[in-house]
Amino acid sequence: MQGFLNTVRQNVGVSALDVDLGDVDGDGDLDAFALGRTSTNRVWLNNGDGVFTDSGQTLGNANGFAIELGDLDGDSDLDAFVVYGVNTSQPNKVYFNDGSGNFSDSGQNLGNTDGSDVGLGDLDGDGDLDAFVSRLFDNPNEVWLNDGHGFFSNSGQALGNSGSYSLALGDVDGDGDIDAFIATIDADETAPNEVWLNNGKGIFTDSGQRLGNLGSAGVVLGDLDGDGDRMLFVVNRD
């Protein structure tokens, strides 16, 4: 019967704030890179049957807030971009994968604390993955451009100041480049969501749209009605 899921309970570590799935060790199944809330980040390897084993790696510090996996250095395996959240005084980090699921700190310290989410995509059209980082507490969002080898530089853009909580990247205006939808949440949970349009070179402009006012905590882009364009599903806290 379709539509029903079984639950397999596994003890896969302590409290975590975010996780991303990808084949980090090249064996064809989905592994997990999890950010520890009170402990270091962990990589959990899948045996192919959905049973995970701790790889034994302890990466970075506690309180990583958001992660996205992608091939950042152009060697065809999945690396990790980690954003650190509030009260950590930690910059964002990039971890390189050796192709076997073993990660190492790239040595980069990217930006300040109070990050909330990260989206990876070729924002400037040069063929590599750049990073759009959203930030909390009236801090502006940032765009970090990749040199093609996994080393990032701040584009110098300060995008918005409404307390961004989550983001989704995608071509929302149909011009072939990647735009950004920002789900915002401020102290009284009334800040509207925003759309930032890309000029194709990684430079973003506020579209002027202010969408909703309920304190949004998550957003996903997709073609929900089958007409070929992107739509948004936004979740609110209350």
C-alpha atoms as a PDB file:
ATOM      1  CA  MET A   1       0.000   0.000   0.000  1.00  0.00           C
ATOM      2  CA  GLN A   2       1.395   3.371  -0.986  1.00  0.00           C
ATOM      3  CA  GLY A   3       1.557   6.448   1.219  1.00  0.00           C
ATOM      4  CA  PHE A   4       2.597   4.807   4.483  1.00  0.00           C
ATOM      5  CA  LEU A   5       6.058   5.017   6.017  1.00  0.00           C
ATOM      6  CA  ASN A   6       7.796   2.795   8.516  1.00  0.00           C
ATOM      7  CA  THR A   7       9.857   4.316  11.319  1.00  0.00           C
ATOM      8  CA  VAL A   8      13.290   2.893  12.032  1.00  0.00           C
ATOM      9  CA  ARG A   9      14.599   4.172  15.347  1.00  0.00           C
ATOM     10  CA  GLN A  10      18.344   4.605  15.622  1.00  0.00           C
ATOM     11  CA  ASN A  11      20.393   6.410  18.226  1.00  0.00           C
ATOM     12  CA  VAL A  12      22.489   8.684  16.032  1.00  0.00           C
ATOM     13  CA  GLY A  13      24.081  11.019  18.541  1.00  0.00           C
ATOM     14  CA  VAL A  14      23.134  13.938  20.726  1.00  0.00           C
ATOM     15  CA  SER A  15      20.868  16.898  20.051  1.00  0.00           C
ATOM     16  CA  ALA A  16      21.354  18.416  16.599  1.00  0.00           C
ATOM     17  CA  LEU A  17      20.149  21.622  14.932  1.00  0.00           C
ATOM     18  CA  ASP A  18      20.326  20.700  11.233  1.00  0.00           C
ATOM     19  CA  VAL A  19      21.267  17.864   8.900  1.00  0.00           C
ATOM     20  CA  ASP A  20      21.860  17.387   5.188  1.00  0.00           C
ATOM     21  CA  LEU A  21      21.889  14.126   3.233  1.00  0.00           C
ATOM     22  CA  GLY A  22      24.235  13.173   0.425  1.00  0.00           C
ATOM     23  CA  ASP A  23      26.525  10.411  -0.772  1.00  0.00           C
ATOM     24  CA  VAL A  24      29.661  11.676   0.968  1.00  0.00           C
ATOM     25  CA  ASP A  25      31.690   8.446   0.722  1.00  0.00           C
ATOM     26  CA  GLY A  26      30.915   7.589  -2.907  1.00  0.00           C
ATOM     27  CA  ASP A  27      29.217   4.258  -2.326  1.00  0.00           C
ATOM     28  CA  GLY A  28      25.885   5.189  -3.879  1.00  0.00           C
ATOM     29  CA  ASP A  29      23.716   5.730  -0.793  1.00  0.00           C
ATOM     30  CA  LEU A  30      22.742   8.782   1.265  1.00  0.00           C
ATOM     31  CA  ASP A  31      24.823   9.603   4.309  1.00  0.00           C
ATOM     32  CA  ALA A  32      24.168  12.323   6.911  1.00  0.00           C
ATOM     33  CA  PHE A  33      26.177  15.360   8.023  1.00  0.00           C
ATOM     34  CA  ALA A  34      24.603  16.543  11.301  1.00  0.00           C
ATOM     35  CA  LEU A  35      25.287  19.731  13.250  1.00  0.00           C
ATOM     36  CA  GLY A  36      25.584  19.215  16.976  1.00  0.00           C
ATOM     37  CA  ARG A  37      23.685  21.539  19.269  1.00  0.00           C
ATOM     38  CA  THR A  38      25.840  20.784  22.296  1.00  0.00           C
ATOM     39  CA  SER A  39      28.634  18.804  20.666  1.00  0.00           C
ATOM     40  CA  THR A  40      30.783  18.897  17.544  1.00  0.00           C
ATOM     41  CA  ASN A  41      29.413  18.153  14.076  1.00  0.00           C
ATOM     42  CA  ARG A  42      29.230  14.499  13.046  1.00  0.00           C
ATOM     43  CA  VAL A  43      29.225  12.482   9.829  1.00  0.00           C
ATOM     44  CA  TRP A  44      27.029   9.387   9.838  1.00  0.00           C
ATOM     45  CA  LEU A  45      27.662   6.784   7.115  1.00  0.00           C
ATOM     46  CA  ASN A  46      24.873   4.690   5.630  1.00  0.00           C
ATOM     47  CA  ASN A  47      25.428   0.965   5.045  1.00  0.00           C
ATOM     48  CA  GLY A  48      22.960   1.012   2.121  1.00  0.00           C
ATOM     49  CA  ASP A  49      20.068  -0.339   4.166  1.00  0.00           C
ATOM     50  CA  GLY A  50      19.379   2.885   6.028  1.00  0.00           C
ATOM     51  CA  VAL A  51      21.475   1.922   9.037  1.00  0.00           C
ATOM     52  CA  PHE A  52      23.952   4.631  10.026  1.00  0.00           C
ATOM     53  CA  THR A  53      27.329   4.402  11.729  1.00  0.00           C
ATOM     54  CA  ASP A  54      29.247   7.273  13.285  1.00  0.00           C
ATOM     55  CA  SER A  55      32.338   7.896  11.132  1.00  0.00           C
ATOM     56  CA  GLY A  56      34.209   9.033  14.246  1.00  0.00           C
ATOM     57  CA  GLN A  57      34.858  12.526  12.936  1.00  0.00           C
ATOM     58  CA  THR A  58      34.365  15.519  15.216  1.00  0.00           C
ATOM     59  CA  LEU A  59      34.195  18.612  13.060  1.00  0.00           C
ATOM     60  CA  GLY A  60      34.144  22.168  14.347  1.00  0.00           C
ATOM     61  CA  ASN A  61      32.352  23.474  17.384  1.00  0.00           C
ATOM     62  CA  ALA A  62      28.864  23.106  18.763  1.00  0.00           C
ATOM     63  CA  ASN A  63      25.852  25.178  17.743  1.00  0.00           C
ATOM     64  CA  GLY A  64      26.128  24.975  13.995  1.00  0.00           C
ATOM     65  CA  PHE A  65      22.776  26.283  12.775  1.00  0.00           C
ATOM     66  CA  ALA A  66      22.512  25.324   9.098  1.00  0.00           C
ATOM     67  CA  ILE A  67      24.366  23.124   6.620  1.00  0.00           C
ATOM     68  CA  GLU A  68      24.287  22.437   2.905  1.00  0.00           C
ATOM     69  CA  LEU A  69      26.317  19.845   1.040  1.00  0.00           C
ATOM     70  CA  GLY A  70      27.700  20.489  -2.430  1.00  0.00           C
ATOM     71  CA  ASP A  71      30.810  20.120  -4.563  1.00  0.00           C
ATOM     72  CA  LEU A  72      32.521  23.329  -3.522  1.00  0.00           C
ATOM     73  CA  ASP A  73      36.057  22.652  -4.771  1.00  0.00           C
ATOM     74  CA  GLY A  74      35.252  21.023  -8.111  1.00  0.00           C
ATOM     75  CA  ASP A  75      36.565  17.536  -7.358  1.00  0.00           C
ATOM     76  CA  SER A  76      33.175  15.805  -7.828  1.00  0.00           C
ATOM     77  CA  ASP A  77      32.521  14.898  -4.197  1.00  0.00           C
ATOM     78  CA  LEU A  78      30.286  16.580  -1.613  1.00  0.00           C
ATOM     79  CA  ASP A  79      31.793  19.190   0.684  1.00  0.00           C
ATOM     80  CA  ALA A  80      30.010  21.064   3.484  1.00  0.00           C
ATOM     81  CA  PHE A  81      29.194  24.728   4.095  1.00  0.00           C
ATOM     82  CA  VAL A  82      28.245  25.256   7.764  1.00  0.00           C
ATOM     83  CA  VAL A  83      26.592  28.378   9.164  1.00  0.00           C
ATOM     84  CA  TYR A  84      26.881  29.114  12.877  1.00  0.00           C
ATOM     85  CA  GLY A  85      24.016  30.624  14.809  1.00  0.00           C
ATOM     86  CA  VAL A  86      23.439  32.886  17.766  1.00  0.00           C
ATOM     87  CA  ASN A  87      25.641  33.265  20.837  1.00  0.00           C
ATOM     88  CA  THR A  88      28.556  31.371  19.314  1.00  0.00           C
ATOM     89  CA  SER A  89      30.987  34.066  18.171  1.00  0.00           C
ATOM     90  CA  GLN A  90      31.969  31.659  15.425  1.00  0.00           C
ATOM     91  CA  PRO A  91      32.392  32.349  11.718  1.00  0.00           C
ATOM     92  CA  ASN A  92      30.902  30.135   9.047  1.00  0.00           C
ATOM     93  CA  LYS A  93      33.083  27.228   7.938  1.00  0.00           C
ATOM     94  CA  VAL A  94      33.787  25.154   4.837  1.00  0.00           C
ATOM     95  CA  TYR A  95      34.787  21.505   5.162  1.00  0.00           C
ATOM     96  CA  PHE A  96      36.390  19.688   2.227  1.00  0.00           C
ATOM     97  CA  ASN A  97      35.688  16.018   1.537  1.00  0.00           C
ATOM     98  CA  ASP A  98      38.488  13.700   0.369  1.00  0.00           C
ATOM     99  CA  GLY A  99      35.971  11.610  -1.610  1.00  0.00           C
ATOM    100  CA  SER A 100      35.745   8.888   1.026  1.00  0.00           C
ATOM    101  CA  GLY A 101      33.607  10.834   3.485  1.00  0.00           C
ATOM    102  CA  ASN A 102      36.527  12.218   5.469  1.00  0.00           C
ATOM    103  CA  PHE A 103      36.194  15.965   5.993  1.00  0.00           C
ATOM    104  CA  SER A 104      38.826  18.556   6.834  1.00  0.00           C
ATOM    105  CA  ASP A 105      38.530  22.210   7.788  1.00  0.00           C
ATOM    106  CA  SER A 106      39.430  24.395   4.796  1.00  0.00           C
ATOM    107  CA  GLY A 107      40.768  27.022   7.198  1.00  0.00           C
ATOM    108  CA  GLN A 108      38.306  29.673   6.066  1.00  0.00           C
ATOM    109  CA  ASN A 109      36.504  31.916   8.556  1.00  0.00           C
ATOM    110  CA  LEU A 110      33.588  33.405   6.679  1.00  0.00           C
ATOM    111  CA  GLY A 111      31.659  36.283   8.183  1.00  0.00           C
ATOM    112  CA  ASN A 112      30.317  36.867  11.642  1.00  0.00           C
ATOM    113  CA  THR A 113      27.922  34.972  13.835  1.00  0.00           C
ATOM    114  CA  ASP A 114      24.094  35.038  13.922  1.00  0.00           C
ATOM    115  CA  GLY A 115      23.664  33.012  10.727  1.00  0.00           C
ATOM    116  CA  SER A 116      20.366  31.234  10.156  1.00  0.00           C
ATOM    117  CA  ASP A 117      20.493  29.413   6.813  1.00  0.00           C
ATOM    118  CA  VAL A 118      22.585  28.847   3.690  1.00  0.00           C
ATOM    119  CA  GLY A 119      21.737  28.074   0.076  1.00  0.00           C
ATOM    120  CA  LEU A 120      24.272  26.911  -2.505  1.00  0.00           C
ATOM    121  CA  GLY A 121      24.041  27.672  -6.208  1.00  0.00           C
ATOM    122  CA  ASP A 122      25.922  29.189  -9.123  1.00  0.00           C
ATOM    123  CA  LEU A 123      24.886  32.745  -8.334  1.00  0.00           C
ATOM    124  CA  ASP A 124      27.335  34.574 -10.622  1.00  0.00           C
ATOM    125  CA  GLY A 125      27.188  32.233 -13.622  1.00  0.00           C
ATOM    126  CA  ASP A 126      30.819  31.054 -13.557  1.00  0.00           C
ATOM    127  CA  GLY A 127      30.058  27.346 -13.105  1.00  0.00           C
ATOM    128  CA  ASP A 128      30.820  26.822  -9.417  1.00  0.00           C
ATOM    129  CA  LEU A 129      28.701  26.859  -6.262  1.00  0.00           C
ATOM    130  CA  ASP A 130      28.413  30.128  -4.385  1.00  0.00           C
ATOM    131  CA  ALA A 131      26.677  30.674  -1.038  1.00  0.00           C
ATOM    132  CA  PHE A 132      23.761  32.879  -0.021  1.00  0.00           C
ATOM    133  CA  VAL A 133      23.758  33.197   3.786  1.00  0.00           C
ATOM    134  CA  SER A 134      20.780  34.538   5.733  1.00  0.00           C
ATOM    135  CA  ARG A 135      21.240  36.131   9.147  1.00  0.00           C
ATOM    136  CA  LEU A 136      19.157  36.891  12.222  1.00  0.00           C
ATOM    137  CA  PHE A 137      18.630  39.950  14.446  1.00  0.00           C
ATOM    138  CA  ASP A 138      18.522  42.741  11.865  1.00  0.00           C
ATOM    139  CA  ASN A 139      21.830  41.611  10.371  1.00  0.00           C
ATOM    140  CA  PRO A 140      21.960  41.849   6.564  1.00  0.00           C
ATOM    141  CA  ASN A 141      22.085  38.728   4.435  1.00  0.00           C
ATOM    142  CA  GLU A 142      25.319  38.015   2.563  1.00  0.00           C
ATOM    143  CA  VAL A 143      26.492  36.536  -0.740  1.00  0.00           C
ATOM    144  CA  TRP A 144      29.793  34.634  -0.744  1.00  0.00           C
ATOM    145  CA  LEU A 145      31.389  33.953  -4.140  1.00  0.00           C
ATOM    146  CA  ASN A 146      33.437  30.840  -4.857  1.00  0.00           C
ATOM    147  CA  ASP A 147      36.760  31.039  -6.728  1.00  0.00           C
ATOM    148  CA  GLY A 148      36.138  27.574  -8.211  1.00  0.00           C
ATOM    149  CA  HIS A 149      38.411  25.841  -5.716  1.00  0.00           C
ATOM    150  CA  GLY A 150      36.124  26.123  -2.699  1.00  0.00           C
ATOM    151  CA  PHE A 151      37.482  29.384  -1.329  1.00  0.00           C
ATOM    152  CA  PHE A 152      34.918  32.112  -0.770  1.00  0.00           C
ATOM    153  CA  SER A 153      35.029  35.902  -0.740  1.00  0.00           C
ATOM    154  CA  ASN A 154      32.344  38.255   0.486  1.00  0.00           C
ATOM    155  CA  SER A 155      30.644  40.011  -2.440  1.00  0.00           C
ATOM    156  CA  GLY A 156      30.151  43.057  -0.231  1.00  0.00           C
ATOM    157  CA  GLN A 157      26.369  43.032  -0.494  1.00  0.00           C
ATOM    158  CA  ALA A 158      24.279  43.729   2.600  1.00  0.00           C
ATOM    159  CA  LEU A 159      20.816  42.440   1.720  1.00  0.00           C
ATOM    160  CA  GLY A 160      17.936  43.363   3.999  1.00  0.00           C
ATOM    161  CA  ASN A 161      17.783  43.665   7.772  1.00  0.00           C
ATOM    162  CA  SER A 162      14.525  42.031   8.815  1.00  0.00           C
ATOM    163  CA  GLY A 163      15.776  39.029  10.748  1.00  0.00           C
ATOM    164  CA  SER A 164      15.957  36.303   8.109  1.00  0.00           C
ATOM    165  CA  TYR A 165      15.259  32.776   9.344  1.00  0.00           C
ATOM    166  CA  SER A 166      15.237  30.605   6.225  1.00  0.00           C
ATOM    167  CA  LEU A 167      15.825  30.905   2.496  1.00  0.00           C
ATOM    168  CA  ALA A 168      15.180  29.165  -0.790  1.00  0.00           C
ATOM    169  CA  LEU A 169      17.115  29.687  -4.019  1.00  0.00           C
ATOM    170  CA  GLY A 170      15.649  29.331  -7.484  1.00  0.00           C
ATOM    171  CA  ASP A 171      14.801  31.144 -10.709  1.00  0.00           C
ATOM    172  CA  VAL A 172      11.589  32.877  -9.666  1.00  0.00           C
ATOM    173  CA  ASP A 173      11.452  35.447 -12.490  1.00  0.00           C
ATOM    174  CA  GLY A 174      12.250  33.120 -15.393  1.00  0.00           C
ATOM    175  CA  ASP A 175      15.431  34.845 -16.592  1.00  0.00           C
ATOM    176  CA  GLY A 176      17.694  31.818 -16.151  1.00  0.00           C
ATOM    177  CA  ASP A 177      19.569  32.826 -13.005  1.00  0.00           C
ATOM    178  CA  ILE A 178      19.122  32.016  -9.325  1.00  0.00           C
ATOM    179  CA  ASP A 179      17.089  34.366  -7.147  1.00  0.00           C
ATOM    180  CA  ALA A 180      16.420  34.229  -3.391  1.00  0.00           C
ATOM    181  CA  PHE A 181      13.239  34.070  -1.319  1.00  0.00           C
ATOM    182  CA  ILE A 182      13.815  35.006   2.315  1.00  0.00           C
ATOM    183  CA  ALA A 183      11.523  33.887   5.133  1.00  0.00           C
ATOM    184  CA  THR A 184      11.803  36.490   7.878  1.00  0.00           C
ATOM    185  CA  ILE A 185      10.992  36.542  11.555  1.00  0.00           C
ATOM    186  CA  ASP A 186      11.547  39.428  13.960  1.00  0.00           C
ATOM    187  CA  ALA A 187      10.943  39.889  17.690  1.00  0.00           C
ATOM    188  CA  ASP A 188       7.185  40.352  17.345  1.00  0.00           C
ATOM    189  CA  GLU A 189       6.921  37.918  14.403  1.00  0.00           C
ATOM    190  CA  THR A 190       5.398  40.425  11.982  1.00  0.00           C
ATOM    191  CA  ALA A 191       8.222  40.988   9.475  1.00  0.00           C
ATOM    192  CA  PRO A 192       7.167  40.202   5.883  1.00  0.00           C
ATOM    193  CA  ASN A 193       9.044  37.810   3.626  1.00  0.00           C
ATOM    194  CA  GLU A 194      11.202  39.217   0.837  1.00  0.00           C
ATOM    195  CA  VAL A 195      12.242  38.338  -2.732  1.00  0.00           C
ATOM    196  CA  TRP A 196      15.721  39.280  -3.964  1.00  0.00           C
ATOM    197  CA  LEU A 197      16.321  39.160  -7.723  1.00  0.00           C
ATOM    198  CA  ASN A 198      19.672  38.252  -9.255  1.00  0.00           C
ATOM    199  CA  ASN A 199      21.048  40.118 -12.271  1.00  0.00           C
ATOM    200  CA  GLY A 200      22.852  36.962 -13.413  1.00  0.00           C
ATOM    201  CA  LYS A 201      26.219  38.038 -12.014  1.00  0.00           C
ATOM    202  CA  GLY A 202      25.477  37.402  -8.364  1.00  0.00           C
ATOM    203  CA  ILE A 203      24.252  40.920  -7.630  1.00  0.00           C
ATOM    204  CA  PHE A 204      20.873  40.939  -5.875  1.00  0.00           C
ATOM    205  CA  THR A 205      18.210  43.655  -5.848  1.00  0.00           C
ATOM    206  CA  ASP A 206      15.212  43.862  -3.541  1.00  0.00           C
ATOM    207  CA  SER A 207      12.096  43.216  -5.646  1.00  0.00           C
ATOM    208  CA  GLY A 208      10.073  45.375  -3.271  1.00  0.00           C
ATOM    209  CA  GLN A 209       7.634  42.599  -2.457  1.00  0.00           C
ATOM    210  CA  ARG A 210       6.567  42.188   1.184  1.00  0.00           C
ATOM    211  CA  LEU A 211       4.778  38.864   1.551  1.00  0.00           C
ATOM    212  CA  GLY A 212       2.915  37.885   4.712  1.00  0.00           C
ATOM    213  CA  ASN A 213       3.430  39.049   8.276  1.00  0.00           C
ATOM    214  CA  LEU A 214       3.132  35.991  10.509  1.00  0.00           C
ATOM    215  CA  GLY A 215       6.740  35.191  11.361  1.00  0.00           C
ATOM    216  CA  SER A 216       7.899  32.656   8.781  1.00  0.00           C
ATOM    217  CA  ALA A 217      10.315  29.891   9.764  1.00  0.00           C
ATOM    218  CA  GLY A 218      10.769  27.887   6.558  1.00  0.00           C
ATOM    219  CA  VAL A 219      10.297  27.977   2.797  1.00  0.00           C
ATOM    220  CA  VAL A 220      10.607  25.556  -0.127  1.00  0.00           C
ATOM    221  CA  LEU A 221      10.466  26.336  -3.853  1.00  0.00           C
ATOM    222  CA  GLY A 222       8.829  24.025  -6.365  1.00  0.00           C
ATOM    223  CA  ASP A 223       6.410  23.766  -9.283  1.00  0.00           C
ATOM    224  CA  LEU A 224       3.346  23.091  -7.153  1.00  0.00           C
ATOM    225  CA  ASP A 225       0.665  23.459  -9.838  1.00  0.00           C
ATOM    226  CA  GLY A 226       2.487  21.921 -12.812  1.00  0.00           C
ATOM    227  CA  ASP A 227       2.618  25.069 -14.951  1.00  0.00           C
ATOM    228  CA  GLY A 228       6.396  25.116 -15.258  1.00  0.00           C
ATOM    229  CA  ASP A 229       7.188  28.012 -12.939  1.00  0.00           C
ATOM    230  CA  ARG A 230       8.349  28.094  -9.341  1.00  0.00           C
ATOM    231  CA  MET A 231       5.946  28.525  -6.449  1.00  0.00           C
ATOM    232  CA  LEU A 232       6.582  28.732  -2.728  1.00  0.00           C
ATOM    233  CA  PHE A 233       5.394  26.821   0.283  1.00  0.00           C
ATOM    234  CA  VAL A 234       6.024  28.876   3.433  1.00  0.00           C
ATOM    235  CA  VAL A 235       5.571  27.708   7.015  1.00  0.00           C
ATOM    236  CA  ASN A 236       4.861  30.138   9.858  1.00  0.00           C
ATOM    237  CA  ARG A 237       5.629  29.770  13.530  1.00  0.00           C
ATOM    238  CA  ASP A 238       2.125  30.607  14.746  1.00  0.00           C
END
